[in-house]
Amino acid sequence: MSLKVRKRIEQCFGWAKTVGDLRKLPLVGMAKVSAWVHWNFAAYNLIRLGGIGEWWNPSPT
């Protein structure tokens, strides 16, 4: 069970680093960085929920 949870956690951080530009953040200041991180994880949650609910297909074939 812990491996499944770990995979889910690592997936969202990997997505945030590659798609959400968290790898090299061009912002300075705790408030700006915190807002950027919250914005990215909110977007990731919407994408994940869309795939679960089958109303959005992130990789069409």
C-alpha atoms as a PDB file:
ATOM      1  CA  MET A   1       0.000   0.000   0.000  1.00  0.00           C
ATOM      2  CA  SER A   2       2.785   2.453   0.825  1.00  0.00           C
ATOM      3  CA  LEU A   3       4.310   1.978  -2.633  1.00  0.00           C
ATOM      4  CA  LYS A   4       1.022   2.993  -4.267  1.00  0.00           C
ATOM      5  CA  VAL A   5       0.780   6.098  -2.107  1.00  0.00           C
ATOM      6  CA  ARG A   6       4.418   6.974  -2.778  1.00  0.00           C
ATOM      7  CA  LYS A   7       3.876   6.636  -6.547  1.00  0.00           C
ATOM      8  CA  ARG A   8       0.896   9.009  -6.368  1.00  0.00           C
ATOM      9  CA  ILE A   9       2.909  11.579  -4.417  1.00  0.00           C
ATOM     10  CA  GLU A  10       5.909  11.341  -6.740  1.00  0.00           C
ATOM     11  CA  GLN A  11       3.666  11.659  -9.799  1.00  0.00           C
ATOM     12  CA  CYS A  12       2.277  15.007  -8.702  1.00  0.00           C
ATOM     13  CA  PHE A  13       5.702  16.418  -7.817  1.00  0.00           C
ATOM     14  CA  GLY A  14       7.128  15.164 -11.113  1.00  0.00           C
ATOM     15  CA  TRP A  15       4.279  16.801 -12.993  1.00  0.00           C
ATOM     16  CA  ALA A  16       4.754  20.054 -11.084  1.00  0.00           C
ATOM     17  CA  LYS A  17       8.472  20.081 -11.895  1.00  0.00           C
ATOM     18  CA  THR A  18       8.096  19.412 -15.619  1.00  0.00           C
ATOM     19  CA  VAL A  19       4.784  21.016 -16.569  1.00  0.00           C
ATOM     20  CA  GLY A  20       4.329  23.496 -13.729  1.00  0.00           C
ATOM     21  CA  ASP A  21       7.809  25.041 -13.928  1.00  0.00           C
ATOM     22  CA  LEU A  22       8.698  24.284 -10.313  1.00  0.00           C
ATOM     23  CA  ARG A  23      12.166  23.078 -11.256  1.00  0.00           C
ATOM     24  CA  LYS A  24      13.570  26.587 -11.765  1.00  0.00           C
ATOM     25  CA  LEU A  25      11.103  28.983 -10.247  1.00  0.00           C
ATOM     26  CA  PRO A  26      11.608  32.582 -11.424  1.00  0.00           C
ATOM     27  CA  LEU A  27       9.941  34.039  -8.312  1.00  0.00           C
ATOM     28  CA  VAL A  28      11.401  35.460  -5.115  1.00  0.00           C
ATOM     29  CA  GLY A  29       9.584  35.629  -1.808  1.00  0.00           C
ATOM     30  CA  MET A  30       7.664  33.133   0.258  1.00  0.00           C
ATOM     31  CA  ALA A  31       4.212  34.502  -0.627  1.00  0.00           C
ATOM     32  CA  LYS A  32       4.831  34.354  -4.386  1.00  0.00           C
ATOM     33  CA  VAL A  33       6.381  30.886  -4.265  1.00  0.00           C
ATOM     34  CA  SER A  34       3.577  29.575  -2.068  1.00  0.00           C
ATOM     35  CA  ALA A  35       0.942  30.965  -4.419  1.00  0.00           C
ATOM     36  CA  TRP A  36       2.700  29.414  -7.435  1.00  0.00           C
ATOM     37  CA  VAL A  37       2.901  26.006  -5.741  1.00  0.00           C
ATOM     38  CA  HIS A  38      -0.769  26.106  -4.725  1.00  0.00           C
ATOM     39  CA  TRP A  39      -1.776  27.130  -8.263  1.00  0.00           C
ATOM     40  CA  ASN A  40       0.204  24.253  -9.785  1.00  0.00           C
ATOM     41  CA  PHE A  41      -1.182  21.592  -7.487  1.00  0.00           C
ATOM     42  CA  ALA A  42      -4.726  22.890  -8.001  1.00  0.00           C
ATOM     43  CA  ALA A  43      -4.217  22.507 -11.754  1.00  0.00           C
ATOM     44  CA  TYR A  44      -2.792  19.017 -11.263  1.00  0.00           C
ATOM     45  CA  ASN A  45      -5.800  18.033  -9.152  1.00  0.00           C
ATOM     46  CA  LEU A  46      -8.184  19.222 -11.868  1.00  0.00           C
ATOM     47  CA  ILE A  47      -6.316  17.192 -14.477  1.00  0.00           C
ATOM     48  CA  ARG A  48      -6.255  14.129 -12.229  1.00  0.00           C
ATOM     49  CA  LEU A  49      -9.954  14.415 -11.389  1.00  0.00           C
ATOM     50  CA  GLY A  50     -10.777  14.846 -15.068  1.00  0.00           C
ATOM     51  CA  GLY A  51      -9.024  11.587 -15.841  1.00  0.00           C
ATOM     52  CA  ILE A  52     -10.774   9.786 -12.994  1.00  0.00           C
ATOM     53  CA  GLY A  53     -14.201  11.110 -13.961  1.00  0.00           C
ATOM     54  CA  GLU A  54     -13.497  10.364 -17.635  1.00  0.00           C
ATOM     55  CA  TRP A  55     -14.627  13.805 -18.777  1.00  0.00           C
ATOM     56  CA  TRP A  56     -11.120  14.731 -19.916  1.00  0.00           C
ATOM     57  CA  ASN A  57      -8.563  12.507 -21.592  1.00  0.00           C
ATOM     58  CA  PRO A  58      -5.053  13.856 -20.962  1.00  0.00           C
ATOM     59  CA  SER A  59      -3.478  11.766 -23.735  1.00  0.00           C
ATOM     60  CA  PRO A  60      -5.857  11.165 -26.640  1.00  0.00           C
ATOM     61  CA  THR A  61      -5.018   8.231 -28.902  1.00  0.00           C
END
